[in-house]
Amino acid sequence: MNHVRFGRTEVQTSTVCLGTWGHGGSNTVGGRPVGWFGTDEHEARETLVQAFRSGITHWDTADVYGGGRAEQLIGGCWDTVPRSEVFLSTKVGWDPGSHGHYYHPEQIRRQLESSLRNLNSDWIDLYYLHHCEFGPRGEYLDEAVDLLRTFRQAGKIRFIGLSDWKSEAIVKYASRVNPDVVQCYRNVVDDSYESSGLKKWVEERDAGVAFFSPLKHALLLGLFEGPVTFGAGDHRSALREFRDFGLISRLRACRRELEQRFGDHPEPVLYGLVGALLADAPNSCVVLGQRRLDHAAAAANVGEPLSDDDARWVRQLYQQNGRVTRASWKSFQQAR
């Protein structure tokens, strides 16, 4: 497993980060699916241990994954995995509690203490603000950041992070937060890391960066043979891409292209999809969901940046073939 200097944190962390959204299992909030169906908790725990033994020492979770269940699974591993050898990140923000907005100070304090209990740890290495919904005028941001700085001074957290699905949102607030690490949505189809200005900000501030959803919820692997349905509580049931037969067929063709180009690698598709993201970001890691033993085994074989030529080829291939069709979008809307 490759390791990289994680920006100004000066931590040497694995270029593949173990993502645990799926460890929380099926979940709904307000009737909306927000989890992952079909999680086996015993295997999920064994996967954490196996990933560590394979050199994946950077783990990522959040307070809301399974309502704390993902954190608890991690916290139950310290009898086998040395806590001090894992760079552990969690997040706060998506649970407003009884308050009328996100990031109320009382709720942040409550969630931090809950995360520490769930994780069975005295400290959190990296504590993210989970999203950039800081109020219509950003009025809830400064107090939230001041509180995280207080946590850091007290030794409860080591580093401060800022996350969002939109790189543009991170850029909007990055100067006020001055995070040590940013976590943004990025894959070879959906990629505004550079165009948003976030790449420039990261490089100028020597920040660490973590890319989440690099496989677009496994869709980009090209494993599906047709439109897919998911069990209750799985967030993918609300994504139109999984109902687009044309897109799924094109992604299977992309898979064959990567298998041919990188055929000497044990995980040619995963190698290409992950390596293309690492190619232009020297202080970065990629968050791969790993809730099964085969996930961890595959992840342990990747994490190397591609050459510039190979990265350009992969991006062009998926930019041309990886987008939902207009017809499937119309049928998706009608079905809903």
Foldseek 3Di string as FASTA:
>chain_A
DAWAQQFPVRDTAFQEEAECLALLEFDDDPQAFDGAHDFDNVQLLVQVLVLVVLPHQEYEEECPSNVLRSLLSQLVCCVPDPPVSHQYEYEAWPPCDPDPHTQDPVRVVVSLVSSCVSNVHQAHAEYEHAALPCDPVNVNPLVSLVVVVVCCVVRRYPFYEYEHADLLSCVVCCVVNVGLEYEYEDWLADDCCVVSCVLVVCVVSRHGYEYECHCVVVQLLLPDQAQDDHDHSRNCNLPLCSHFRQLSVLSVVLNVVQCVVPVVAPQRSVQLGQQLVCQSHRSYHYHDHTSHNVSSVNSSRHSHHDHPVSSVVSSVSCNVRNDGDPVSVVVSVVVD
